[in-house]
Amino acid sequence: PIYDGKQRNIQSQKLQLQQSTNNASRNYFTSQFEIRQSQLRNEISQTEKLKSDAQQQLQLSQTLLDADKKLLETGDLHIADYLLALSAYITAQSTVTQLEVSRLQLISQYNYFIQ
């Protein structure tokens, strides 16, 4: 055999190093993908819980607003107090809407990410 200056051995080592680098990169990106998926699922779950809590708050605000309306009609409540209850109701309604938008955005990100 003709002496090749260990070129075949060097090429073999180079190929092994490239394969090792490719495997490490694949493993890294796979783990990053799984971490991001998990983060998005957790964010969706947390947003759904917050939305549920906000909906309960909205129901309480609605009940308070209804009671205040009856008191206002009978003259037992100042208009300023009724306006405060109305403001709290509107704020609760806005919070529920914002949380629903956030939830849908997260679901959209998750669906885009896993495709």
PDB file of N, CA and C in Angstrom:
ATOM      1  N   PRO A   1       0.823  -1.194   0.000  1.00  0.00           N
ATOM      2  CA  PRO A   1       0.000   0.000   0.000  1.00  0.00           C
ATOM      3  C   PRO A   1       0.867   1.259   0.000  1.00  0.00           C
ATOM      4  N   ILE A   2       0.334   2.257  -0.633  1.00  0.00           N
ATOM      5  CA  ILE A   2       1.028   3.541  -0.724  1.00  0.00           C
ATOM      6  C   ILE A   2       0.771   4.319   0.567  1.00  0.00           C
ATOM      7  N   TYR A   3       1.822   4.943   1.096  1.00  0.00           N
ATOM      8  CA  TYR A   3       1.694   5.730   2.317  1.00  0.00           C
ATOM      9  C   TYR A   3       0.957   7.023   1.994  1.00  0.00           C
ATOM     10  N   ASP A   4      -0.136   7.304   2.733  1.00  0.00           N
ATOM     11  CA  ASP A   4      -0.953   8.488   2.434  1.00  0.00           C
ATOM     12  C   ASP A   4      -0.777   9.596   3.459  1.00  0.00           C
ATOM     13  N   GLY A   5       0.239   9.488   4.297  1.00  0.00           N
ATOM     14  CA  GLY A   5       0.491  10.541   5.284  1.00  0.00           C
ATOM     15  C   GLY A   5      -0.596  10.598   6.348  1.00  0.00           C
ATOM     16  N   LYS A   6      -1.200   9.474   6.629  1.00  0.00           N
ATOM     17  CA  LYS A   6      -2.273   9.337   7.621  1.00  0.00           C
ATOM     18  C   LYS A   6      -3.524  10.151   7.259  1.00  0.00           C
ATOM     19  N   GLN A   7      -3.681  10.437   5.956  1.00  0.00           N
ATOM     20  CA  GLN A   7      -4.844  11.224   5.525  1.00  0.00           C
ATOM     21  C   GLN A   7      -6.156  10.479   5.757  1.00  0.00           C
ATOM     22  N   ARG A   8      -6.143   9.180   5.534  1.00  0.00           N
ATOM     23  CA  ARG A   8      -7.376   8.414   5.728  1.00  0.00           C
ATOM     24  C   ARG A   8      -7.775   8.431   7.206  1.00  0.00           C
ATOM     25  N   ASN A   9      -6.816   8.307   8.093  1.00  0.00           N
ATOM     26  CA  ASN A   9      -7.082   8.359   9.525  1.00  0.00           C
ATOM     27  C   ASN A   9      -7.578   9.754   9.931  1.00  0.00           C
ATOM     28  N   ILE A  10      -6.972  10.780   9.395  1.00  0.00           N
ATOM     29  CA  ILE A  10      -7.382  12.162   9.686  1.00  0.00           C
ATOM     30  C   ILE A  10      -8.798  12.408   9.176  1.00  0.00           C
ATOM     31  N   GLN A  11      -9.109  11.941   7.983  1.00  0.00           N
ATOM     32  CA  GLN A  11     -10.454  12.103   7.419  1.00  0.00           C
ATOM     33  C   GLN A  11     -11.482  11.371   8.276  1.00  0.00           C
ATOM     34  N   SER A  12     -11.112  10.187   8.752  1.00  0.00           N
ATOM     35  CA  SER A  12     -12.020   9.421   9.605  1.00  0.00           C
ATOM     36  C   SER A  12     -12.282  10.166  10.915  1.00  0.00           C
ATOM     37  N   GLN A  13     -11.244  10.717  11.511  1.00  0.00           N
ATOM     38  CA  GLN A  13     -11.411  11.496  12.743  1.00  0.00           C
ATOM     39  C   GLN A  13     -12.256  12.752  12.499  1.00  0.00           C
ATOM     40  N   LYS A  14     -12.023  13.381  11.362  1.00  0.00           N
ATOM     41  CA  LYS A  14     -12.785  14.583  11.009  1.00  0.00           C
ATOM     42  C   LYS A  14     -14.272  14.248  10.861  1.00  0.00           C
ATOM     43  N   LEU A  15     -14.554  13.129  10.200  1.00  0.00           N
ATOM     44  CA  LEU A  15     -15.941  12.702  10.016  1.00  0.00           C
ATOM     45  C   LEU A  15     -16.593  12.367  11.360  1.00  0.00           C
ATOM     46  N   GLN A  16     -15.856  11.687  12.236  1.00  0.00           N
ATOM     47  CA  GLN A  16     -16.388  11.367  13.562  1.00  0.00           C
ATOM     48  C   GLN A  16     -16.680  12.636  14.363  1.00  0.00           C
ATOM     49  N   LEU A  17     -15.809  13.614  14.261  1.00  0.00           N
ATOM     50  CA  LEU A  17     -16.011  14.884  14.962  1.00  0.00           C
ATOM     51  C   LEU A  17     -17.241  15.613  14.425  1.00  0.00           C
ATOM     52  N   GLN A  18     -17.429  15.608  13.106  1.00  0.00           N
ATOM     53  CA  GLN A  18     -18.613  16.238  12.516  1.00  0.00           C
ATOM     54  C   GLN A  18     -19.889  15.536  12.975  1.00  0.00           C
ATOM     55  N   GLN A  19     -19.863  14.212  13.013  1.00  0.00           N
ATOM     56  CA  GLN A  19     -21.036  13.464  13.471  1.00  0.00           C
ATOM     57  C   GLN A  19     -21.325  13.746  14.942  1.00  0.00           C
ATOM     58  N   SER A  20     -20.288  13.827  15.728  1.00  0.00           N
ATOM     59  CA  SER A  20     -20.451  14.134  17.150  1.00  0.00           C
ATOM     60  C   SER A  20     -21.041  15.535  17.336  1.00  0.00           C
ATOM     61  N   THR A  21     -20.569  16.488  16.549  1.00  0.00           N
ATOM     62  CA  THR A  21     -21.091  17.858  16.606  1.00  0.00           C
ATOM     63  C   THR A  21     -22.548  17.898  16.180  1.00  0.00           C
ATOM     64  N   ASN A  22     -22.878  17.179  15.119  1.00  0.00           N
ATOM     65  CA  ASN A  22     -24.272  17.122  14.658  1.00  0.00           C
ATOM     66  C   ASN A  22     -25.181  16.508  15.718  1.00  0.00           C
ATOM     67  N   ASN A  23     -24.724  15.431  16.349  1.00  0.00           N
ATOM     68  CA  ASN A  23     -25.520  14.793  17.402  1.00  0.00           C
ATOM     69  C   ASN A  23     -25.726  15.732  18.586  1.00  0.00           C
ATOM     70  N   ALA A  24     -24.669  16.439  18.981  1.00  0.00           N
ATOM     71  CA  ALA A  24     -24.777  17.376  20.103  1.00  0.00           C
ATOM     72  C   ALA A  24     -25.742  18.508  19.762  1.00  0.00           C
ATOM     73  N   SER A  25     -25.663  19.017  18.539  1.00  0.00           N
ATOM     74  CA  SER A  25     -26.577  20.088  18.115  1.00  0.00           C
ATOM     75  C   SER A  25     -28.017  19.599  18.095  1.00  0.00           C
ATOM     76  N   ARG A  26     -28.234  18.403  17.574  1.00  0.00           N
ATOM     77  CA  ARG A  26     -29.584  17.844  17.528  1.00  0.00           C
ATOM     78  C   ARG A  26     -30.138  17.673  18.940  1.00  0.00           C
ATOM     79  N   ASN A  27     -29.315  17.141  19.836  1.00  0.00           N
ATOM     80  CA  ASN A  27     -29.755  16.955  21.220  1.00  0.00           C
ATOM     81  C   ASN A  27     -30.075  18.288  21.887  1.00  0.00           C
ATOM     82  N   TYR A  28     -29.243  19.292  21.628  1.00  0.00           N
ATOM     83  CA  TYR A  28     -29.472  20.618  22.202  1.00  0.00           C
ATOM     84  C   TYR A  28     -30.797  21.192  21.712  1.00  0.00           C
ATOM     85  N   PHE A  29     -31.023  21.177  20.415  1.00  0.00           N
ATOM     86  CA  PHE A  29     -32.247  21.758  19.866  1.00  0.00           C
ATOM     87  C   PHE A  29     -33.486  20.951  20.259  1.00  0.00           C
ATOM     88  N   THR A  30     -33.332  19.644  20.389  1.00  0.00           N
ATOM     89  CA  THR A  30     -34.455  18.826  20.858  1.00  0.00           C
ATOM     90  C   THR A  30     -34.820  19.193  22.289  1.00  0.00           C
ATOM     91  N   SER A  31     -33.818  19.349  23.132  1.00  0.00           N
ATOM     92  CA  SER A  31     -34.107  19.711  24.527  1.00  0.00           C
ATOM     93  C   SER A  31     -34.688  21.119  24.611  1.00  0.00           C
ATOM     94  N   GLN A  32     -34.184  22.051  23.808  1.00  0.00           N
ATOM     95  CA  GLN A  32     -34.741  23.410  23.795  1.00  0.00           C
ATOM     96  C   GLN A  32     -36.193  23.400  23.324  1.00  0.00           C
ATOM     97  N   PHE A  33     -36.486  22.587  22.335  1.00  0.00           N
ATOM     98  CA  PHE A  33     -37.849  22.455  21.820  1.00  0.00           C
ATOM     99  C   PHE A  33     -38.783  21.942  22.918  1.00  0.00           C
ATOM    100  N   GLU A  34     -38.342  20.912  23.623  1.00  0.00           N
ATOM    101  CA  GLU A  34     -39.165  20.334  24.688  1.00  0.00           C
ATOM    102  C   GLU A  34     -39.365  21.316  25.837  1.00  0.00           C
ATOM    103  N   ILE A  35     -38.322  22.065  26.165  1.00  0.00           N
ATOM    104  CA  ILE A  35     -38.431  23.066  27.231  1.00  0.00           C
ATOM    105  C   ILE A  35     -39.438  24.141  26.840  1.00  0.00           C
ATOM    106  N   ARG A  36     -39.354  24.637  25.607  1.00  0.00           N
ATOM    107  CA  ARG A  36     -40.276  25.689  25.160  1.00  0.00           C
ATOM    108  C   ARG A  36     -41.710  25.167  25.117  1.00  0.00           C
ATOM    109  N   GLN A  37     -41.897  23.940  24.671  1.00  0.00           N
ATOM    110  CA  GLN A  37     -43.238  23.335  24.671  1.00  0.00           C
ATOM    111  C   GLN A  37     -43.803  23.301  26.084  1.00  0.00           C
ATOM    112  N   SER A  38     -42.992  22.860  27.012  1.00  0.00           N
ATOM    113  CA  SER A  38     -43.420  22.776  28.406  1.00  0.00           C
ATOM    114  C   SER A  38     -43.747  24.162  28.962  1.00  0.00           C
ATOM    115  N   GLN A  39     -42.925  25.146  28.633  1.00  0.00           N
ATOM    116  CA  GLN A  39     -43.184  26.515  29.092  1.00  0.00           C
ATOM    117  C   GLN A  39     -44.519  27.019  28.562  1.00  0.00           C
ATOM    118  N   LEU A  40     -44.776  26.797  27.293  1.00  0.00           N
ATOM    119  CA  LEU A  40     -46.033  27.262  26.705  1.00  0.00           C
ATOM    120  C   LEU A  40     -47.228  26.557  27.338  1.00  0.00           C
ATOM    121  N   ARG A  41     -47.120  25.250  27.558  1.00  0.00           N
ATOM    122  CA  ARG A  41     -48.219  24.527  28.218  1.00  0.00           C
ATOM    123  C   ARG A  41     -48.469  25.075  29.623  1.00  0.00           C
ATOM    124  N   ASN A  42     -47.400  25.361  30.357  1.00  0.00           N
ATOM    125  CA  ASN A  42     -47.546  25.917  31.702  1.00  0.00           C
ATOM    126  C   ASN A  42     -48.184  27.305  31.662  1.00  0.00           C
ATOM    127  N   GLU A  43     -47.754  28.131  30.721  1.00  0.00           N
ATOM    128  CA  GLU A  43     -48.330  29.473  30.598  1.00  0.00           C
ATOM    129  C   GLU A  43     -49.817  29.399  30.256  1.00  0.00           C
ATOM    130  N   ILE A  44     -50.181  28.479  29.379  1.00  0.00           N
ATOM    131  CA  ILE A  44     -51.601  28.309  29.022  1.00  0.00           C
ATOM    132  C   ILE A  44     -52.393  27.893  30.262  1.00  0.00           C
ATOM    133  N   SER A  45     -51.861  26.947  31.004  1.00  0.00           N
ATOM    134  CA  SER A  45     -52.540  26.467  32.213  1.00  0.00           C
ATOM    135  C   SER A  45     -52.697  27.586  33.244  1.00  0.00           C
ATOM    136  N   GLN A  46     -51.650  28.355  33.455  1.00  0.00           N
ATOM    137  CA  GLN A  46     -51.710  29.460  34.415  1.00  0.00           C
ATOM    138  C   GLN A  46     -52.703  30.529  33.968  1.00  0.00           C
ATOM    139  N   THR A  47     -52.717  30.817  32.685  1.00  0.00           N
ATOM    140  CA  THR A  47     -53.644  31.820  32.162  1.00  0.00           C
ATOM    141  C   THR A  47     -55.082  31.345  32.319  1.00  0.00           C
ATOM    142  N   GLU A  48     -55.322  30.064  32.089  1.00  0.00           N
ATOM    143  CA  GLU A  48     -56.677  29.530  32.266  1.00  0.00           C
ATOM    144  C   GLU A  48     -57.122  29.625  33.723  1.00  0.00           C
ATOM    145  N   LYS A  49     -56.196  29.376  34.653  1.00  0.00           N
ATOM    146  CA  LYS A  49     -56.541  29.492  36.074  1.00  0.00           C
ATOM    147  C   LYS A  49     -56.839  30.950  36.428  1.00  0.00           C
ATOM    148  N   LEU A  50     -55.998  31.859  35.946  1.00  0.00           N
ATOM    149  CA  LEU A  50     -56.241  33.281  36.202  1.00  0.00           C
ATOM    150  C   LEU A  50     -57.577  33.727  35.622  1.00  0.00           C
ATOM    151  N   LYS A  51     -57.893  33.223  34.440  1.00  0.00           N
ATOM    152  CA  LYS A  51     -59.162  33.589  33.813  1.00  0.00           C
ATOM    153  C   LYS A  51     -60.335  33.076  34.634  1.00  0.00           C
ATOM    154  N   SER A  52     -60.220  31.869  35.146  1.00  0.00           N
ATOM    155  CA  SER A  52     -61.276  31.310  35.986  1.00  0.00           C
ATOM    156  C   SER A  52     -61.484  32.170  37.235  1.00  0.00           C
ATOM    157  N   ASP A  53     -60.379  32.568  37.857  1.00  0.00           N
ATOM    158  CA  ASP A  53     -60.469  33.444  39.032  1.00  0.00           C
ATOM    159  C   ASP A  53     -61.093  34.788  38.661  1.00  0.00           C
ATOM    160  N   ALA A  54     -60.703  35.328  37.516  1.00  0.00           N
ATOM    161  CA  ALA A  54     -61.242  36.613  37.070  1.00  0.00           C
ATOM    162  C   ALA A  54     -62.731  36.507  36.757  1.00  0.00           C
ATOM    163  N   GLN A  55     -63.164  35.370  36.232  1.00  0.00           N
ATOM    164  CA  GLN A  55     -64.591  35.182  35.958  1.00  0.00           C
ATOM    165  C   GLN A  55     -65.396  35.131  37.256  1.00  0.00           C
ATOM    166  N   GLN A  56     -64.829  34.520  38.278  1.00  0.00           N
ATOM    167  CA  GLN A  56     -65.497  34.519  39.584  1.00  0.00           C
ATOM    168  C   GLN A  56     -65.606  35.942  40.124  1.00  0.00           C
ATOM    169  N   GLN A  57     -64.526  36.710  39.957  1.00  0.00           N
ATOM    170  CA  GLN A  57     -64.547  38.108  40.387  1.00  0.00           C
ATOM    171  C   GLN A  57     -65.594  38.889  39.603  1.00  0.00           C
ATOM    172  N   LEU A  58     -65.713  38.601  38.329  1.00  0.00           N
ATOM    173  CA  LEU A  58     -66.711  39.271  37.493  1.00  0.00           C
ATOM    174  C   LEU A  58     -68.124  38.951  37.979  1.00  0.00           C
ATOM    175  N   GLN A  59     -68.362  37.710  38.334  1.00  0.00           N
ATOM    176  CA  GLN A  59     -69.683  37.328  38.849  1.00  0.00           C
ATOM    177  C   GLN A  59     -69.994  38.049  40.158  1.00  0.00           C
ATOM    178  N   LEU A  60     -68.986  38.156  41.023  1.00  0.00           N
ATOM    179  CA  LEU A  60     -69.186  38.891  42.273  1.00  0.00           C
ATOM    180  C   LEU A  60     -69.476  40.365  42.002  1.00  0.00           C
ATOM    181  N   SER A  61     -68.747  40.936  41.056  1.00  0.00           N
ATOM    182  CA  SER A  61     -68.969  42.339  40.697  1.00  0.00           C
ATOM    183  C   SER A  61     -70.364  42.534  40.124  1.00  0.00           C
ATOM    184  N   GLN A  62     -70.830  41.578  39.331  1.00  0.00           N
ATOM    185  CA  GLN A  62     -72.176  41.655  38.758  1.00  0.00           C
ATOM    186  C   GLN A  62     -73.228  41.604  39.863  1.00  0.00           C
ATOM    187  N   THR A  63     -73.039  40.707  40.815  1.00  0.00           N
ATOM    188  CA  THR A  63     -73.975  40.590  41.939  1.00  0.00           C
ATOM    189  C   THR A  63     -74.009  41.881  42.752  1.00  0.00           C
ATOM    190  N   LEU A  64     -72.831  42.422  43.025  1.00  0.00           N
ATOM    191  CA  LEU A  64     -72.746  43.680  43.768  1.00  0.00           C
ATOM    192  C   LEU A  64     -73.402  44.812  42.993  1.00  0.00           C
ATOM    193  N   LEU A  65     -73.177  44.855  41.701  1.00  0.00           N
ATOM    194  CA  LEU A  65     -73.764  45.901  40.864  1.00  0.00           C
ATOM    195  C   LEU A  65     -75.288  45.801  40.865  1.00  0.00           C
ATOM    196  N   ASP A  66     -75.813  44.595  40.776  1.00  0.00           N
ATOM    197  CA  ASP A  66     -77.272  44.407  40.815  1.00  0.00           C
ATOM    198  C   ASP A  66     -77.854  44.867  42.151  1.00  0.00           C
ATOM    199  N   ALA A  67     -77.172  44.503  43.244  1.00  0.00           N
ATOM    200  CA  ALA A  67     -77.646  44.913  44.571  1.00  0.00           C
ATOM    201  C   ALA A  67     -77.582  46.431  44.722  1.00  0.00           C
ATOM    202  N   ASP A  68     -76.479  47.018  44.248  1.00  0.00           N
ATOM    203  CA  ASP A  68     -76.341  48.475  44.333  1.00  0.00           C
ATOM    204  C   ASP A  68     -77.386  49.185  43.482  1.00  0.00           C
ATOM    205  N   LYS A  69     -77.741  48.597  42.355  1.00  0.00           N
ATOM    206  CA  LYS A  69     -78.761  49.204  41.496  1.00  0.00           C
ATOM    207  C   LYS A  69     -80.103  49.269  42.225  1.00  0.00           C
ATOM    208  N   LYS A  70     -80.441  48.188  42.927  1.00  0.00           N
ATOM    209  CA  LYS A  70     -81.700  48.174  43.684  1.00  0.00           C
ATOM    210  C   LYS A  70     -81.668  49.205  44.808  1.00  0.00           C
ATOM    211  N   LEU A  71     -80.515  49.295  45.484  1.00  0.00           N
ATOM    212  CA  LEU A  71     -80.381  50.286  46.549  1.00  0.00           C
ATOM    213  C   LEU A  71     -80.448  51.706  45.995  1.00  0.00           C
ATOM    214  N   LEU A  72     -79.870  51.907  44.822  1.00  0.00           N
ATOM    215  CA  LEU A  72     -79.903  53.231  44.195  1.00  0.00           C
ATOM    216  C   LEU A  72     -81.327  53.613  43.828  1.00  0.00           C
ATOM    217  N   GLU A  73     -82.091  52.653  43.332  1.00  0.00           N
ATOM    218  CA  GLU A  73     -83.482  52.921  42.949  1.00  0.00           C
ATOM    219  C   GLU A  73     -84.340  53.302  44.154  1.00  0.00           C
ATOM    220  N   THR A  74     -84.004  52.740  45.312  1.00  0.00           N
ATOM    221  CA  THR A  74     -84.780  53.070  46.516  1.00  0.00           C
ATOM    222  C   THR A  74     -84.220  54.289  47.236  1.00  0.00           C
ATOM    223  N   GLY A  75     -83.095  54.800  46.761  1.00  0.00           N
ATOM    224  CA  GLY A  75     -82.510  55.990  47.364  1.00  0.00           C
ATOM    225  C   GLY A  75     -81.613  55.693  48.545  1.00  0.00           C
ATOM    226  N   ASP A  76     -81.259  54.451  48.761  1.00  0.00           N
ATOM    227  CA  ASP A  76     -80.419  54.074  49.898  1.00  0.00           C
ATOM    228  C   ASP A  76     -78.924  54.054  49.568  1.00  0.00           C
ATOM    229  N   LEU A  77     -78.565  54.449  48.360  1.00  0.00           N
ATOM    230  CA  LEU A  77     -77.162  54.412  47.938  1.00  0.00           C
ATOM    231  C   LEU A  77     -76.840  55.681  47.164  1.00  0.00           C
ATOM    232  N   HIS A  78     -75.660  56.208  47.426  1.00  0.00           N
ATOM    233  CA  HIS A  78     -75.207  57.388  46.684  1.00  0.00           C
ATOM    234  C   HIS A  78     -74.792  56.967  45.275  1.00  0.00           C
ATOM    235  N   ILE A  79     -74.971  57.874  44.337  1.00  0.00           N
ATOM    236  CA  ILE A  79     -74.617  57.583  42.942  1.00  0.00           C
ATOM    237  C   ILE A  79     -73.124  57.302  42.811  1.00  0.00           C
ATOM    238  N   ALA A  80     -72.303  57.972  43.632  1.00  0.00           N
ATOM    239  CA  ALA A  80     -70.850  57.761  43.573  1.00  0.00           C
ATOM    240  C   ALA A  80     -70.503  56.312  43.924  1.00  0.00           C
ATOM    241  N   ASP A  81     -71.191  55.751  44.901  1.00  0.00           N
ATOM    242  CA  ASP A  81     -70.942  54.355  45.277  1.00  0.00           C
ATOM    243  C   ASP A  81     -71.356  53.402  44.157  1.00  0.00           C
ATOM    244  N   TYR A  82     -72.454  53.729  43.497  1.00  0.00           N
ATOM    245  CA  TYR A  82     -72.898  52.905  42.368  1.00  0.00           C
ATOM    246  C   TYR A  82     -71.878  52.975  41.229  1.00  0.00           C
ATOM    247  N   LEU A  83     -71.351  54.169  40.990  1.00  0.00           N
ATOM    248  CA  LEU A  83     -70.356  54.329  39.923  1.00  0.00           C
ATOM    249  C   LEU A  83     -69.070  53.563  40.244  1.00  0.00           C
ATOM    250  N   LEU A  84     -68.710  53.498  41.520  1.00  0.00           N
ATOM    251  CA  LEU A  84     -67.541  52.700  41.904  1.00  0.00           C
ATOM    252  C   LEU A  84     -67.777  51.215  41.623  1.00  0.00           C
ATOM    253  N   ALA A  85     -68.975  50.741  41.949  1.00  0.00           N
ATOM    254  CA  ALA A  85     -69.309  49.337  41.675  1.00  0.00           C
ATOM    255  C   ALA A  85     -69.319  49.073  40.173  1.00  0.00           C
ATOM    256  N   LEU A  86     -69.838  50.026  39.412  1.00  0.00           N
ATOM    257  CA  LEU A  86     -69.862  49.895  37.949  1.00  0.00           C
ATOM    258  C   LEU A  86     -68.447  49.870  37.387  1.00  0.00           C
ATOM    259  N   SER A  87     -67.592  50.725  37.922  1.00  0.00           N
ATOM    260  CA  SER A  87     -66.194  50.760  37.486  1.00  0.00           C
ATOM    261  C   SER A  87     -65.493  49.433  37.791  1.00  0.00           C
ATOM    262  N   ALA A  88     -65.752  48.873  38.965  1.00  0.00           N
ATOM    263  CA  ALA A  88     -65.153  47.581  39.329  1.00  0.00           C
ATOM    264  C   ALA A  88     -65.638  46.482  38.392  1.00  0.00           C
ATOM    265  N   TYR A  89     -66.907  46.530  38.018  1.00  0.00           N
ATOM    266  CA  TYR A  89     -67.464  45.535  37.099  1.00  0.00           C
ATOM    267  C   TYR A  89     -66.802  45.641  35.722  1.00  0.00           C
ATOM    268  N   ILE A  90     -66.661  46.859  35.246  1.00  0.00           N
ATOM    269  CA  ILE A  90     -66.040  47.068  33.925  1.00  0.00           C
ATOM    270  C   ILE A  90     -64.584  46.607  33.943  1.00  0.00           C
ATOM    271  N   THR A  91     -63.885  46.895  35.028  1.00  0.00           N
ATOM    272  CA  THR A  91     -62.492  46.457  35.154  1.00  0.00           C
ATOM    273  C   THR A  91     -62.401  44.931  35.156  1.00  0.00           C
ATOM    274  N   ALA A  92     -63.292  44.282  35.889  1.00  0.00           N
ATOM    275  CA  ALA A  92     -63.296  42.813  35.934  1.00  0.00           C
ATOM    276  C   ALA A  92     -63.601  42.231  34.560  1.00  0.00           C
ATOM    277  N   GLN A  93     -64.527  42.854  33.855  1.00  0.00           N
ATOM    278  CA  GLN A  93     -64.887  42.393  32.512  1.00  0.00           C
ATOM    279  C   GLN A  93     -63.694  42.543  31.562  1.00  0.00           C
ATOM    280  N   SER A  94     -62.996  43.658  31.675  1.00  0.00           N
ATOM    281  CA  SER A  94     -61.817  43.900  30.846  1.00  0.00           C
ATOM    282  C   SER A  94     -60.717  42.880  31.147  1.00  0.00           C
ATOM    283  N   THR A  95     -60.545  42.563  32.407  1.00  0.00           N
ATOM    284  CA  THR A  95     -59.529  41.582  32.803  1.00  0.00           C
ATOM    285  C   THR A  95     -59.827  40.211  32.205  1.00  0.00           C
ATOM    286  N   VAL A  96     -61.074  39.795  32.267  1.00  0.00           N
ATOM    287  CA  VAL A  96     -61.462  38.500  31.689  1.00  0.00           C
ATOM    288  C   VAL A  96     -61.173  38.492  30.188  1.00  0.00           C
ATOM    289  N   THR A  97     -61.504  39.583  29.520  1.00  0.00           N
ATOM    290  CA  THR A  97     -61.274  39.675  28.073  1.00  0.00           C
ATOM    291  C   THR A  97     -59.783  39.619  27.756  1.00  0.00           C
ATOM    292  N   GLN A  98     -58.977  40.357  28.513  1.00  0.00           N
ATOM    293  CA  GLN A  98     -57.531  40.360  28.283  1.00  0.00           C
ATOM    294  C   GLN A  98     -56.923  38.974  28.512  1.00  0.00           C
ATOM    295  N   LEU A  99     -57.390  38.302  29.536  1.00  0.00           N
ATOM    296  CA  LEU A  99     -56.873  36.957  29.808  1.00  0.00           C
ATOM    297  C   LEU A  99     -57.278  35.967  28.720  1.00  0.00           C
ATOM    298  N   GLU A 100     -58.468  36.123  28.173  1.00  0.00           N
ATOM    299  CA  GLU A 100     -58.893  35.247  27.072  1.00  0.00           C
ATOM    300  C   GLU A 100     -58.034  35.492  25.832  1.00  0.00           C
ATOM    301  N   VAL A 101     -57.736  36.754  25.557  1.00  0.00           N
ATOM    302  CA  VAL A 101     -56.871  37.077  24.417  1.00  0.00           C
ATOM    303  C   VAL A 101     -55.482  36.475  24.634  1.00  0.00           C
ATOM    304  N   SER A 102     -54.950  36.621  25.843  1.00  0.00           N
ATOM    305  CA  SER A 102     -53.637  36.041  26.155  1.00  0.00           C
ATOM    306  C   SER A 102     -53.647  34.526  25.992  1.00  0.00           C
ATOM    307  N   ARG A 103     -54.693  33.900  26.474  1.00  0.00           N
ATOM    308  CA  ARG A 103     -54.811  32.439  26.368  1.00  0.00           C
ATOM    309  C   ARG A 103     -54.820  32.002  24.907  1.00  0.00           C
ATOM    310  N   LEU A 104     -55.602  32.698  24.087  1.00  0.00           N
ATOM    311  CA  LEU A 104     -55.678  32.345  22.668  1.00  0.00           C
ATOM    312  C   LEU A 104     -54.354  32.590  21.955  1.00  0.00           C
ATOM    313  N   GLN A 105     -53.646  33.657  22.327  1.00  0.00           N
ATOM    314  CA  GLN A 105     -52.332  33.910  21.734  1.00  0.00           C
ATOM    315  C   GLN A 105     -51.347  32.800  22.099  1.00  0.00           C
ATOM    316  N   LEU A 106     -51.375  32.372  23.348  1.00  0.00           N
ATOM    317  CA  LEU A 106     -50.480  31.295  23.775  1.00  0.00           C
ATOM    318  C   LEU A 106     -50.800  29.989  23.060  1.00  0.00           C
ATOM    319  N   ILE A 107     -52.076  29.702  22.896  1.00  0.00           N
ATOM    320  CA  ILE A 107     -52.475  28.491  22.170  1.00  0.00           C
ATOM    321  C   ILE A 107     -52.003  28.574  20.723  1.00  0.00           C
ATOM    322  N   SER A 108     -52.131  29.741  20.131  1.00  0.00           N
ATOM    323  CA  SER A 108     -51.674  29.933  18.756  1.00  0.00           C
ATOM    324  C   SER A 108     -50.161  29.725  18.660  1.00  0.00           C
ATOM    325  N   GLN A 109     -49.418  30.289  19.605  1.00  0.00           N
ATOM    326  CA  GLN A 109     -47.964  30.097  19.621  1.00  0.00           C
ATOM    327  C   GLN A 109     -47.612  28.618  19.766  1.00  0.00           C
ATOM    328  N   TYR A 110     -48.306  27.946  20.654  1.00  0.00           N
ATOM    329  CA  TYR A 110     -48.047  26.524  20.882  1.00  0.00           C
ATOM    330  C   TYR A 110     -48.313  25.719  19.611  1.00  0.00           C
ATOM    331  N   ASN A 111     -49.456  25.978  18.982  1.00  0.00           N
ATOM    332  CA  ASN A 111     -49.796  25.247  17.759  1.00  0.00           C
ATOM    333  C   ASN A 111     -48.795  25.529  16.644  1.00  0.00           C
ATOM    334  N   TYR A 112     -48.350  26.774  16.513  1.00  0.00           N
ATOM    335  CA  TYR A 112     -47.355  27.120  15.505  1.00  0.00           C
ATOM    336  C   TYR A 112     -46.034  26.429  15.828  1.00  0.00           C
ATOM    337  N   PHE A 113     -45.693  26.418  17.103  1.00  0.00           N
ATOM    338  CA  PHE A 113     -44.408  25.889  17.531  1.00  0.00           C
ATOM    339  C   PHE A 113     -44.290  24.390  17.293  1.00  0.00           C
ATOM    340  N   ILE A 114     -45.380  23.654  17.510  1.00  0.00           N
ATOM    341  CA  ILE A 114     -45.286  22.196  17.393  1.00  0.00           C
ATOM    342  C   ILE A 114     -45.426  21.702  15.959  1.00  0.00           C
ATOM    343  N   GLN A 115     -45.746  22.578  15.045  1.00  0.00           N
ATOM    344  CA  GLN A 115     -45.882  22.134  13.645  1.00  0.00           C
ATOM    345  C   GLN A 115     -44.543  22.007  12.983  1.00  0.00           C
TER     346      GLN A 115
END
